[in-house]
Amino acid sequence: MPPLLKFIRLKSFDGCYQNLDPQIQKKVDKTPQKYAQDNPGLHLEKIEGTRDIWSIRVDRRYRLSFQRRRDVVALRTVDKHNRVCRAP
């Protein structure tokens, strides 16, 4: 059985989230659970130039970035693909 993950939203994530359209917010709300279920459709990618920041797909245009330490996943940002995939 996979470990239960705890998701925390950083202030930077909340700021990005509030600027999204409600339809995208609904997709974002479902994405952490999909990650916890190891969904291959999320296209997990390491953010270039970082040691431990990753991104996953929300939909074709949007991604969210996160850091994981054991069973805690810190959601960092959510935005269009090209903005999320730049090194912080």
PDB file of N, CA and C in Angstrom:
ATOM      1  N   MET A   1       0.851  -1.193   0.000  1.00  0.00           N
ATOM      2  CA  MET A   1       0.000   0.000   0.000  1.00  0.00           C
ATOM      3  C   MET A   1       0.886   1.243   0.000  1.00  0.00           C
ATOM      4  N   PRO A   2       0.635   2.197  -0.956  1.00  0.00           N
ATOM      5  CA  PRO A   2       1.457   3.405  -1.011  1.00  0.00           C
ATOM      6  C   PRO A   2       1.234   4.271   0.227  1.00  0.00           C
ATOM      7  N   PRO A   3       2.241   5.085   0.585  1.00  0.00           N
ATOM      8  CA  PRO A   3       2.092   5.941   1.770  1.00  0.00           C
ATOM      9  C   PRO A   3       1.009   6.995   1.553  1.00  0.00           C
ATOM     10  N   LEU A   4       0.343   7.359   2.627  1.00  0.00           N
ATOM     11  CA  LEU A   4      -0.625   8.451   2.549  1.00  0.00           C
ATOM     12  C   LEU A   4       0.145   9.757   2.483  1.00  0.00           C
ATOM     13  N   LEU A   5      -0.205  10.579   1.536  1.00  0.00           N
ATOM     14  CA  LEU A   5       0.492  11.838   1.348  1.00  0.00           C
ATOM     15  C   LEU A   5      -0.298  12.987   1.957  1.00  0.00           C
ATOM     16  N   LYS A   6       0.447  13.923   2.525  1.00  0.00           N
ATOM     17  CA  LYS A   6      -0.156  15.155   3.057  1.00  0.00           C
ATOM     18  C   LYS A   6       0.248  16.281   2.111  1.00  0.00           C
ATOM     19  N   PHE A   7      -0.735  16.987   1.607  1.00  0.00           N
ATOM     20  CA  PHE A   7      -0.477  18.097   0.693  1.00  0.00           C
ATOM     21  C   PHE A   7      -0.637  19.410   1.443  1.00  0.00           C
ATOM     22  N   ILE A   8       0.365  20.275   1.297  1.00  0.00           N
ATOM     23  CA  ILE A   8       0.277  21.620   1.867  1.00  0.00           C
ATOM     24  C   ILE A   8       0.425  22.626   0.735  1.00  0.00           C
ATOM     25  N   ARG A   9      -0.294  23.714   0.841  1.00  0.00           N
ATOM     26  CA  ARG A   9      -0.269  24.758  -0.184  1.00  0.00           C
ATOM     27  C   ARG A   9       0.534  25.945   0.338  1.00  0.00           C
ATOM     28  N   LEU A  10       1.632  26.235  -0.354  1.00  0.00           N
ATOM     29  CA  LEU A  10       2.434  27.396   0.016  1.00  0.00           C
ATOM     30  C   LEU A  10       1.708  28.676  -0.401  1.00  0.00           C
ATOM     31  N   LYS A  11       2.093  29.785   0.198  1.00  0.00           N
ATOM     32  CA  LYS A  11       1.467  31.068  -0.144  1.00  0.00           C
ATOM     33  C   LYS A  11       1.625  31.378  -1.629  1.00  0.00           C
ATOM     34  N   SER A  12       2.768  31.014  -2.183  1.00  0.00           N
ATOM     35  CA  SER A  12       2.996  31.254  -3.607  1.00  0.00           C
ATOM     36  C   SER A  12       1.983  30.489  -4.458  1.00  0.00           C
ATOM     37  N   PHE A  13       1.645  29.279  -4.037  1.00  0.00           N
ATOM     38  CA  PHE A  13       0.654  28.475  -4.752  1.00  0.00           C
ATOM     39  C   PHE A  13      -0.718  29.131  -4.652  1.00  0.00           C
ATOM     40  N   ASP A  14      -1.099  29.529  -3.443  1.00  0.00           N
ATOM     41  CA  ASP A  14      -2.408  30.160  -3.252  1.00  0.00           C
ATOM     42  C   ASP A  14      -2.555  31.426  -4.089  1.00  0.00           C
ATOM     43  N   GLY A  15      -1.485  32.208  -4.183  1.00  0.00           N
ATOM     44  CA  GLY A  15      -1.533  33.427  -5.000  1.00  0.00           C
ATOM     45  C   GLY A  15      -1.770  33.110  -6.472  1.00  0.00           C
ATOM     46  N   CYS A  16      -1.084  32.108  -6.985  1.00  0.00           N
ATOM     47  CA  CYS A  16      -1.277  31.697  -8.380  1.00  0.00           C
ATOM     48  C   CYS A  16      -2.681  31.134  -8.579  1.00  0.00           C
ATOM     49  N   TYR A  17      -3.114  30.309  -7.657  1.00  0.00           N
ATOM     50  CA  TYR A  17      -4.410  29.628  -7.743  1.00  0.00           C
ATOM     51  C   TYR A  17      -5.549  30.642  -7.824  1.00  0.00           C
ATOM     52  N   GLN A  18      -5.486  31.672  -7.026  1.00  0.00           N
ATOM     53  CA  GLN A  18      -6.563  32.663  -6.991  1.00  0.00           C
ATOM     54  C   GLN A  18      -6.697  33.427  -8.304  1.00  0.00           C
ATOM     55  N   ASN A  19      -5.636  33.466  -9.108  1.00  0.00           N
ATOM     56  CA  ASN A  19      -5.677  34.170 -10.392  1.00  0.00           C
ATOM     57  C   ASN A  19      -6.195  33.303 -11.534  1.00  0.00           C
ATOM     58  N   LEU A  20      -6.474  32.033 -11.269  1.00  0.00           N
ATOM     59  CA  LEU A  20      -6.938  31.120 -12.314  1.00  0.00           C
ATOM     60  C   LEU A  20      -8.448  31.199 -12.498  1.00  0.00           C
ATOM     61  N   ASP A  21      -8.899  30.852 -13.694  1.00  0.00           N
ATOM     62  CA  ASP A  21     -10.338  30.737 -13.953  1.00  0.00           C
ATOM     63  C   ASP A  21     -10.902  29.603 -13.100  1.00  0.00           C
ATOM     64  N   PRO A  22     -12.154  29.704 -12.702  1.00  0.00           N
ATOM     65  CA  PRO A  22     -12.767  28.659 -11.876  1.00  0.00           C
ATOM     66  C   PRO A  22     -12.701  27.256 -12.492  1.00  0.00           C
ATOM     67  N   GLN A  23     -12.788  27.157 -13.816  1.00  0.00           N
ATOM     68  CA  GLN A  23     -12.697  25.843 -14.461  1.00  0.00           C
ATOM     69  C   GLN A  23     -11.322  25.215 -14.256  1.00  0.00           C
ATOM     70  N   ILE A  24     -10.292  26.029 -14.344  1.00  0.00           N
ATOM     71  CA  ILE A  24      -8.928  25.529 -14.131  1.00  0.00           C
ATOM     72  C   ILE A  24      -8.745  25.191 -12.652  1.00  0.00           C
ATOM     73  N   GLN A  25      -9.291  26.017 -11.756  1.00  0.00           N
ATOM     74  CA  GLN A  25      -9.190  25.732 -10.324  1.00  0.00           C
ATOM     75  C   GLN A  25      -9.768  24.350  -9.999  1.00  0.00           C
ATOM     76  N   LYS A  26     -10.880  23.989 -10.619  1.00  0.00           N
ATOM     77  CA  LYS A  26     -11.473  22.667 -10.383  1.00  0.00           C
ATOM     78  C   LYS A  26     -10.519  21.557 -10.799  1.00  0.00           C
ATOM     79  N   LYS A  27      -9.843  21.746 -11.929  1.00  0.00           N
ATOM     80  CA  LYS A  27      -8.870  20.752 -12.385  1.00  0.00           C
ATOM     81  C   LYS A  27      -7.689  20.676 -11.419  1.00  0.00           C
ATOM     82  N   VAL A  28      -7.241  21.839 -10.971  1.00  0.00           N
ATOM     83  CA  VAL A  28      -6.122  21.892 -10.027  1.00  0.00           C
ATOM     84  C   VAL A  28      -6.493  21.157  -8.739  1.00  0.00           C
ATOM     85  N   ASP A  29      -7.718  21.340  -8.275  1.00  0.00           N
ATOM     86  CA  ASP A  29      -8.164  20.696  -7.036  1.00  0.00           C
ATOM     87  C   ASP A  29      -8.092  19.178  -7.123  1.00  0.00           C
ATOM     88  N   LYS A  30      -8.263  18.613  -8.309  1.00  0.00           N
ATOM     89  CA  LYS A  30      -8.238  17.159  -8.500  1.00  0.00           C
ATOM     90  C   LYS A  30      -6.826  16.605  -8.699  1.00  0.00           C
ATOM     91  N   THR A  31      -5.898  17.451  -9.071  1.00  0.00           N
ATOM     92  CA  THR A  31      -4.560  16.985  -9.454  1.00  0.00           C
ATOM     93  C   THR A  31      -3.776  16.331  -8.319  1.00  0.00           C
ATOM     94  N   PRO A  32      -3.749  16.862  -7.093  1.00  0.00           N
ATOM     95  CA  PRO A  32      -2.994  16.178  -6.034  1.00  0.00           C
ATOM     96  C   PRO A  32      -3.463  14.743  -5.787  1.00  0.00           C
ATOM     97  N   GLN A  33      -4.753  14.510  -5.835  1.00  0.00           N
ATOM     98  CA  GLN A  33      -5.258  13.154  -5.634  1.00  0.00           C
ATOM     99  C   GLN A  33      -4.800  12.229  -6.752  1.00  0.00           C
ATOM    100  N   LYS A  34      -4.783  12.739  -7.970  1.00  0.00           N
ATOM    101  CA  LYS A  34      -4.283  11.938  -9.098  1.00  0.00           C
ATOM    102  C   LYS A  34      -2.811  11.598  -8.890  1.00  0.00           C
ATOM    103  N   TYR A  35      -2.037  12.562  -8.379  1.00  0.00           N
ATOM    104  CA  TYR A  35      -0.620  12.302  -8.092  1.00  0.00           C
ATOM    105  C   TYR A  35      -0.486  11.218  -7.018  1.00  0.00           C
ATOM    106  N   ALA A  36      -1.299  11.304  -5.991  1.00  0.00           N
ATOM    107  CA  ALA A  36      -1.250  10.324  -4.903  1.00  0.00           C
ATOM    108  C   ALA A  36      -1.582   8.923  -5.414  1.00  0.00           C
ATOM    109  N   GLN A  37      -2.365   8.843  -6.479  1.00  0.00           N
ATOM    110  CA  GLN A  37      -2.737   7.557  -7.067  1.00  0.00           C
ATOM    111  C   GLN A  37      -1.746   7.115  -8.142  1.00  0.00           C
ATOM    112  N   ASP A  38      -0.653   7.867  -8.307  1.00  0.00           N
ATOM    113  CA  ASP A  38       0.403   7.534  -9.266  1.00  0.00           C
ATOM    114  C   ASP A  38      -0.126   7.476 -10.695  1.00  0.00           C
ATOM    115  N   ASN A  39      -0.918   8.461 -11.066  1.00  0.00           N
ATOM    116  CA  ASN A  39      -1.515   8.537 -12.391  1.00  0.00           C
ATOM    117  C   ASN A  39      -0.445   8.886 -13.431  1.00  0.00           C
ATOM    118  N   PRO A  40      -0.203   8.007 -14.428  1.00  0.00           N
ATOM    119  CA  PRO A  40       0.849   8.288 -15.414  1.00  0.00           C
ATOM    120  C   PRO A  40       0.509   9.434 -16.362  1.00  0.00           C
ATOM    121  N   GLY A  41      -0.752   9.829 -16.456  1.00  0.00           N
ATOM    122  CA  GLY A  41      -1.154  10.908 -17.345  1.00  0.00           C
ATOM    123  C   GLY A  41      -0.729  12.285 -16.881  1.00  0.00           C
ATOM    124  N   LEU A  42      -0.098  12.372 -15.730  1.00  0.00           N
ATOM    125  CA  LEU A  42       0.308  13.667 -15.190  1.00  0.00           C
ATOM    126  C   LEU A  42       1.632  14.167 -15.749  1.00  0.00           C
ATOM    127  N   HIS A  43       2.366  13.307 -16.446  1.00  0.00           N
ATOM    128  CA  HIS A  43       3.635  13.700 -17.076  1.00  0.00           C
ATOM    129  C   HIS A  43       4.573  14.378 -16.082  1.00  0.00           C
ATOM    130  N   LEU A  44       4.968  13.643 -15.069  1.00  0.00           N
ATOM    131  CA  LEU A  44       5.890  14.131 -14.045  1.00  0.00           C
ATOM    132  C   LEU A  44       7.195  14.572 -14.691  1.00  0.00           C
ATOM    133  N   GLU A  45       7.637  15.786 -14.382  1.00  0.00           N
ATOM    134  CA  GLU A  45       8.890  16.330 -14.918  1.00  0.00           C
ATOM    135  C   GLU A  45       9.654  17.037 -13.813  1.00  0.00           C
ATOM    136  N   LYS A  46      10.953  16.820 -13.788  1.00  0.00           N
ATOM    137  CA  LYS A  46      11.802  17.578 -12.872  1.00  0.00           C
ATOM    138  C   LYS A  46      12.029  18.960 -13.473  1.00  0.00           C
ATOM    139  N   ILE A  47      11.960  19.989 -12.633  1.00  0.00           N
ATOM    140  CA  ILE A  47      12.213  21.357 -13.112  1.00  0.00           C
ATOM    141  C   ILE A  47      13.720  21.504 -13.324  1.00  0.00           C
ATOM    142  N   GLU A  48      14.074  21.847 -14.521  1.00  0.00           N
ATOM    143  CA  GLU A  48      15.484  21.967 -14.889  1.00  0.00           C
ATOM    144  C   GLU A  48      16.188  22.997 -14.020  1.00  0.00           C
ATOM    145  N   GLY A  49      17.388  22.666 -13.589  1.00  0.00           N
ATOM    146  CA  GLY A  49      18.177  23.582 -12.772  1.00  0.00           C
ATOM    147  C   GLY A  49      17.881  23.510 -11.284  1.00  0.00           C
ATOM    148  N   THR A  50      17.038  22.547 -10.875  1.00  0.00           N
ATOM    149  CA  THR A  50      16.720  22.381  -9.456  1.00  0.00           C
ATOM    150  C   THR A  50      17.098  20.970  -9.020  1.00  0.00           C
ATOM    151  N   ARG A  51      17.205  20.791  -7.711  1.00  0.00           N
ATOM    152  CA  ARG A  51      17.515  19.463  -7.177  1.00  0.00           C
ATOM    153  C   ARG A  51      16.261  18.661  -6.886  1.00  0.00           C
ATOM    154  N   ASP A  52      15.224  19.343  -6.423  1.00  0.00           N
ATOM    155  CA  ASP A  52      14.086  18.578  -5.919  1.00  0.00           C
ATOM    156  C   ASP A  52      12.732  19.236  -6.159  1.00  0.00           C
ATOM    157  N   ILE A  53      12.616  19.997  -7.229  1.00  0.00           N
ATOM    158  CA  ILE A  53      11.328  20.601  -7.575  1.00  0.00           C
ATOM    159  C   ILE A  53      10.819  19.920  -8.838  1.00  0.00           C
ATOM    160  N   TRP A  54       9.570  19.507  -8.776  1.00  0.00           N
ATOM    161  CA  TRP A  54       8.951  18.742  -9.862  1.00  0.00           C
ATOM    162  C   TRP A  54       7.687  19.435 -10.315  1.00  0.00           C
ATOM    163  N   SER A  55       7.217  19.068 -11.509  1.00  0.00           N
ATOM    164  CA  SER A  55       5.934  19.584 -11.970  1.00  0.00           C
ATOM    165  C   SER A  55       5.100  18.438 -12.532  1.00  0.00           C
ATOM    166  N   ILE A  56       3.787  18.620 -12.455  1.00  0.00           N
ATOM    167  CA  ILE A  56       2.851  17.660 -13.028  1.00  0.00           C
ATOM    168  C   ILE A  56       1.783  18.419 -13.797  1.00  0.00           C
ATOM    169  N   ARG A  57       1.196  17.726 -14.729  1.00  0.00           N
ATOM    170  CA  ARG A  57       0.199  18.314 -15.613  1.00  0.00           C
ATOM    171  C   ARG A  57      -1.156  18.456 -14.913  1.00  0.00           C
ATOM    172  N   VAL A  58      -1.744  19.637 -15.067  1.00  0.00           N
ATOM    173  CA  VAL A  58      -3.128  19.869 -14.658  1.00  0.00           C
ATOM    174  C   VAL A  58      -4.025  19.604 -15.875  1.00  0.00           C
ATOM    175  N   ASP A  59      -3.623  20.173 -17.004  1.00  0.00           N
ATOM    176  CA  ASP A  59      -4.238  19.910 -18.301  1.00  0.00           C
ATOM    177  C   ASP A  59      -3.188  20.237 -19.358  1.00  0.00           C
ATOM    178  N   ARG A  60      -3.580  20.359 -20.600  1.00  0.00           N
ATOM    179  CA  ARG A  60      -2.589  20.591 -21.666  1.00  0.00           C
ATOM    180  C   ARG A  60      -1.844  21.919 -21.532  1.00  0.00           C
ATOM    181  N   ARG A  61      -2.460  22.904 -20.896  1.00  0.00           N
ATOM    182  CA  ARG A  61      -1.836  24.224 -20.797  1.00  0.00           C
ATOM    183  C   ARG A  61      -1.242  24.525 -19.430  1.00  0.00           C
ATOM    184  N   TYR A  62      -1.753  23.896 -18.379  1.00  0.00           N
ATOM    185  CA  TYR A  62      -1.351  24.250 -17.021  1.00  0.00           C
ATOM    186  C   TYR A  62      -0.628  23.111 -16.318  1.00  0.00           C
ATOM    187  N   ARG A  63       0.317  23.495 -15.466  1.00  0.00           N
ATOM    188  CA  ARG A  63       1.054  22.549 -14.638  1.00  0.00           C
ATOM    189  C   ARG A  63       1.150  23.124 -13.231  1.00  0.00           C
ATOM    190  N   LEU A  64       1.407  22.260 -12.278  1.00  0.00           N
ATOM    191  CA  LEU A  64       1.706  22.739 -10.932  1.00  0.00           C
ATOM    192  C   LEU A  64       3.058  22.186 -10.518  1.00  0.00           C
ATOM    193  N   SER A  65       3.765  22.954  -9.703  1.00  0.00           N
ATOM    194  CA  SER A  65       5.078  22.515  -9.227  1.00  0.00           C
ATOM    195  C   SER A  65       4.988  22.194  -7.741  1.00  0.00           C
ATOM    196  N   PHE A  66       5.898  21.311  -7.310  1.00  0.00           N
ATOM    197  CA  PHE A  66       5.875  20.863  -5.919  1.00  0.00           C
ATOM    198  C   PHE A  66       7.238  20.344  -5.502  1.00  0.00           C
ATOM    199  N   GLN A  67       7.409  20.237  -4.208  1.00  0.00           N
ATOM    200  CA  GLN A  67       8.554  19.562  -3.597  1.00  0.00           C
ATOM    201  C   GLN A  67       7.986  18.495  -2.680  1.00  0.00           C
ATOM    202  N   ARG A  68       8.654  17.346  -2.649  1.00  0.00           N
ATOM    203  CA  ARG A  68       8.182  16.259  -1.791  1.00  0.00           C
ATOM    204  C   ARG A  68       9.288  15.856  -0.824  1.00  0.00           C
ATOM    205  N   ARG A  69       8.920  15.783   0.434  1.00  0.00           N
ATOM    206  CA  ARG A  69       9.802  15.278   1.491  1.00  0.00           C
ATOM    207  C   ARG A  69       9.044  14.156   2.178  1.00  0.00           C
ATOM    208  N   ARG A  70       9.461  12.952   1.915  1.00  0.00           N
ATOM    209  CA  ARG A  70       8.793  11.752   2.435  1.00  0.00           C
ATOM    210  C   ARG A  70       7.311  11.779   2.074  1.00  0.00           C
ATOM    211  N   ASP A  71       6.437  11.923   3.061  1.00  0.00           N
ATOM    212  CA  ASP A  71       5.000  11.871   2.785  1.00  0.00           C
ATOM    213  C   ASP A  71       4.336  13.252   2.764  1.00  0.00           C
ATOM    214  N   VAL A  72       5.143  14.323   2.700  1.00  0.00           N
ATOM    215  CA  VAL A  72       4.599  15.682   2.635  1.00  0.00           C
ATOM    216  C   VAL A  72       4.938  16.283   1.272  1.00  0.00           C
ATOM    217  N   VAL A  73       3.907  16.758   0.604  1.00  0.00           N
ATOM    218  CA  VAL A  73       4.066  17.378  -0.718  1.00  0.00           C
ATOM    219  C   VAL A  73       3.687  18.845  -0.596  1.00  0.00           C
ATOM    220  N   ALA A  74       4.653  19.725  -0.834  1.00  0.00           N
ATOM    221  CA  ALA A  74       4.422  21.172  -0.767  1.00  0.00           C
ATOM    222  C   ALA A  74       4.126  21.684  -2.170  1.00  0.00           C
ATOM    223  N   LEU A  75       2.890  22.127  -2.399  1.00  0.00           N
ATOM    224  CA  LEU A  75       2.498  22.693  -3.685  1.00  0.00           C
ATOM    225  C   LEU A  75       3.052  24.112  -3.760  1.00  0.00           C
ATOM    226  N   ARG A  76       3.861  24.383  -4.784  1.00  0.00           N
ATOM    227  CA  ARG A  76       4.590  25.647  -4.882  1.00  0.00           C
ATOM    228  C   ARG A  76       3.919  26.682  -5.786  1.00  0.00           C
ATOM    229  N   THR A  77       3.640  26.298  -7.034  1.00  0.00           N
ATOM    230  CA  THR A  77       3.032  27.220  -7.999  1.00  0.00           C
ATOM    231  C   THR A  77       2.095  26.445  -8.916  1.00  0.00           C
ATOM    232  N   VAL A  78       1.225  27.175  -9.562  1.00  0.00           N
ATOM    233  CA  VAL A  78       0.385  26.622 -10.628  1.00  0.00           C
ATOM    234  C   VAL A  78       0.215  27.719 -11.662  1.00  0.00           C
ATOM    235  N   ASP A  79       0.512  27.373 -12.917  1.00  0.00           N
ATOM    236  CA  ASP A  79       0.471  28.384 -13.982  1.00  0.00           C
ATOM    237  C   ASP A  79       0.577  27.665 -15.317  1.00  0.00           C
ATOM    238  N   LYS A  80       0.678  28.449 -16.371  1.00  0.00           N
ATOM    239  CA  LYS A  80       0.865  27.867 -17.700  1.00  0.00           C
ATOM    240  C   LYS A  80       2.201  27.147 -17.738  1.00  0.00           C
ATOM    241  N   HIS A  81       2.267  26.145 -18.581  1.00  0.00           N
ATOM    242  CA  HIS A  81       3.411  25.229 -18.638  1.00  0.00           C
ATOM    243  C   HIS A  81       4.748  25.948 -18.678  1.00  0.00           C
ATOM    244  N   ASN A  82       4.916  26.896 -19.595  1.00  0.00           N
ATOM    245  CA  ASN A  82       6.227  27.549 -19.764  1.00  0.00           C
ATOM    246  C   ASN A  82       6.639  28.365 -18.540  1.00  0.00           C
ATOM    247  N   ARG A  83       5.692  28.855 -17.765  1.00  0.00           N
ATOM    248  CA  ARG A  83       6.033  29.623 -16.562  1.00  0.00           C
ATOM    249  C   ARG A  83       6.420  28.710 -15.396  1.00  0.00           C
ATOM    250  N   VAL A  84       5.742  27.593 -15.260  1.00  0.00           N
ATOM    251  CA  VAL A  84       6.022  26.670 -14.151  1.00  0.00           C
ATOM    252  C   VAL A  84       7.360  25.974 -14.351  1.00  0.00           C
ATOM    253  N   CYS A  85       7.704  25.664 -15.580  1.00  0.00           N
ATOM    254  CA  CYS A  85       8.897  24.862 -15.852  1.00  0.00           C
ATOM    255  C   CYS A  85      10.200  25.651 -15.861  1.00  0.00           C
ATOM    256  N   ARG A  86      10.133  26.949 -15.587  1.00  0.00           N
ATOM    257  CA  ARG A  86      11.362  27.732 -15.427  1.00  0.00           C
ATOM    258  C   ARG A  86      11.887  27.537 -14.011  1.00  0.00           C
ATOM    259  N   ALA A  87      13.178  27.458 -13.870  1.00  0.00           N
ATOM    260  CA  ALA A  87      13.773  27.308 -12.538  1.00  0.00           C
ATOM    261  C   ALA A  87      13.403  28.513 -11.689  1.00  0.00           C
ATOM    262  N   PRO A  88      13.078  28.279 -10.403  1.00  0.00           N
ATOM    263  CA  PRO A  88      12.675  29.386  -9.520  1.00  0.00           C
ATOM    264  C   PRO A  88      13.834  30.316  -9.191  1.00  0.00           C
TER     265      PRO A  88
END
